Amino acid sequence: MPNAEIARARLAEQLAELDGRQQRIVQDLAEPLNPDSSEQAVEMEDDASLEAQSALIAREIASINRALLRIENGTYGECVRCGDAIAPKRLEARPEAALCFSCASRET
């Protein structure tokens, strides 16, 4: 059984960092566009990139929240697909991992 308290602390730290990043992106996207049309094109391109980053961050946040829920439910460290134990080294590298190595490798 993995150490849930260590995992919880790491996940909370990751969540705080991702929340901070997400807030900065939201602030950047809220800034009005430059009235110069050539600058607007560059800013709109930048905004598209920020929106894509925001979507990735939102997925990471959701994954972390699901891992925290598994900790609370007492199922942390169990593969959500097959129920086998997730290798401690995998959880050490990716504390939000929901799948054992075998199930994760079938995903790709």
Protein backbone atom coordinates (compact mmCIF):
# COMPACT_ATOMS: atom_id res chain seq x y z
CA MET A 1 0.00 0.00 0.00
CA PRO A 2 1.48 3.36 -0.99
CA ASN A 3 1.94 6.08 1.58
CA ALA A 4 -1.25 8.07 1.05
CA GLU A 5 -0.19 11.01 3.21
CA ILE A 6 2.99 11.59 1.22
CA ALA A 7 0.99 11.28 -1.99
CA ARG A 8 -1.66 13.68 -0.67
CA ALA A 9 1.01 16.28 0.14
CA ARG A 10 2.64 15.96 -3.28
CA LEU A 11 -0.72 16.13 -5.04
CA ALA A 12 -1.77 19.18 -3.02
CA GLU A 13 1.51 20.88 -3.95
CA GLN A 14 0.99 20.07 -7.64
CA LEU A 15 -2.61 21.29 -7.43
CA ALA A 16 -1.57 24.61 -5.91
CA GLU A 17 1.05 25.13 -8.62
CA LEU A 18 -1.41 24.27 -11.40
CA ASP A 19 -4.09 26.52 -9.90
CA GLY A 20 -1.58 29.38 -9.88
CA ARG A 21 -0.70 28.76 -13.52
CA GLN A 22 -4.36 28.57 -14.46
CA GLN A 23 -5.08 31.88 -12.70
CA ARG A 24 -2.22 33.60 -14.55
CA ILE A 25 -3.55 32.32 -17.87
CA VAL A 26 -7.05 33.55 -17.06
CA GLN A 27 -5.61 36.97 -16.20
CA ASP A 28 -3.61 37.07 -19.44
CA LEU A 29 -6.66 36.09 -21.49
CA ALA A 30 -8.75 38.79 -19.78
CA GLU A 31 -6.47 41.58 -21.00
CA PRO A 32 -7.99 43.58 -23.86
CA LEU A 33 -6.48 43.26 -27.31
CA ASN A 34 -4.19 45.95 -28.65
CA PRO A 35 -6.02 48.37 -30.98
CA ASP A 36 -3.28 47.92 -33.62
CA SER A 37 -4.58 45.23 -36.01
CA SER A 38 -1.16 43.66 -36.63
CA GLU A 39 -0.59 43.39 -32.88
CA GLN A 40 -4.08 41.95 -32.46
CA ALA A 41 -3.21 39.08 -34.81
CA VAL A 42 -0.15 38.21 -32.70
CA GLU A 43 -2.13 38.53 -29.46
CA MET A 44 -4.94 36.34 -30.81
CA GLU A 45 -2.38 33.68 -31.75
CA ASP A 46 -0.91 33.91 -28.26
CA ASP A 47 -4.40 33.63 -26.77
CA ALA A 48 -5.06 30.44 -28.74
CA SER A 49 -1.89 28.95 -27.29
CA LEU A 50 -2.87 30.03 -23.78
CA GLU A 51 -6.33 28.49 -24.21
CA ALA A 52 -4.74 25.19 -25.24
CA GLN A 53 -2.43 25.33 -22.21
CA SER A 54 -5.42 26.10 -20.01
CA ALA A 55 -7.24 23.02 -21.30
CA LEU A 56 -4.21 20.82 -20.53
CA ILE A 57 -3.92 22.29 -17.05
CA ALA A 58 -7.64 21.70 -16.45
CA ARG A 59 -7.17 18.02 -17.35
CA GLU A 60 -4.20 17.74 -14.99
CA ILE A 61 -6.20 19.39 -12.20
CA ALA A 62 -9.07 16.95 -12.77
CA SER A 63 -6.64 14.01 -12.67
CA ILE A 64 -5.15 15.23 -9.39
CA ASN A 65 -8.60 15.77 -7.89
CA ARG A 66 -9.56 12.20 -8.83
CA ALA A 67 -6.36 10.92 -7.17
CA LEU A 68 -7.18 12.88 -4.02
CA LEU A 69 -10.66 11.36 -4.06
CA ARG A 70 -9.13 7.86 -4.35
CA ILE A 71 -6.99 8.65 -1.30
CA GLU A 72 -10.11 9.67 0.63
CA ASN A 73 -11.97 6.54 -0.53
CA GLY A 74 -9.07 4.27 0.42
CA THR A 75 -8.56 3.05 -3.15
CA TYR A 76 -5.39 5.00 -3.89
CA GLY A 77 -2.77 2.75 -5.45
CA GLU A 78 -5.32 0.40 -7.02
CA CYS A 79 -5.75 0.38 -10.78
CA VAL A 80 -9.18 1.81 -11.62
CA ARG A 81 -9.48 -0.58 -14.57
CA CYS A 82 -8.33 -3.99 -13.32
CA GLY A 83 -8.06 -3.47 -9.55
CA ASP A 84 -4.42 -4.62 -9.35
CA ALA A 85 -1.91 -2.64 -7.33
CA ILE A 86 -0.13 0.21 -9.10
CA ALA A 87 3.64 -0.17 -8.73
CA PRO A 88 5.07 2.11 -6.04
CA LYS A 89 7.71 3.42 -8.48
CA ARG A 90 4.91 4.46 -10.89
CA LEU A 91 3.08 6.27 -8.10
CA GLU A 92 6.32 7.90 -7.04
CA ALA A 93 6.83 9.24 -10.57
CA ARG A 94 3.14 10.05 -11.18
CA PRO A 95 1.23 10.27 -7.90
CA GLU A 96 -1.98 10.91 -9.86
CA ALA A 97 -1.65 7.63 -11.80
CA ALA A 98 -4.96 5.77 -11.97
CA LEU A 99 -3.83 2.79 -14.04
CA CYS A 100 -1.27 0.08 -13.43
CA PHE A 101 1.53 -0.15 -15.97
CA SER A 102 -0.14 -2.99 -17.83
CA CYS A 103 -3.46 -1.15 -18.29
CA ALA A 104 -1.72 2.14 -19.07
CA SER A 105 0.40 0.54 -21.78
CA ARG A 106 -2.78 -0.77 -23.46
CA GLU A 107 -4.05 2.83 -23.64
CA THR A 108 -1.35 3.93 -26.09
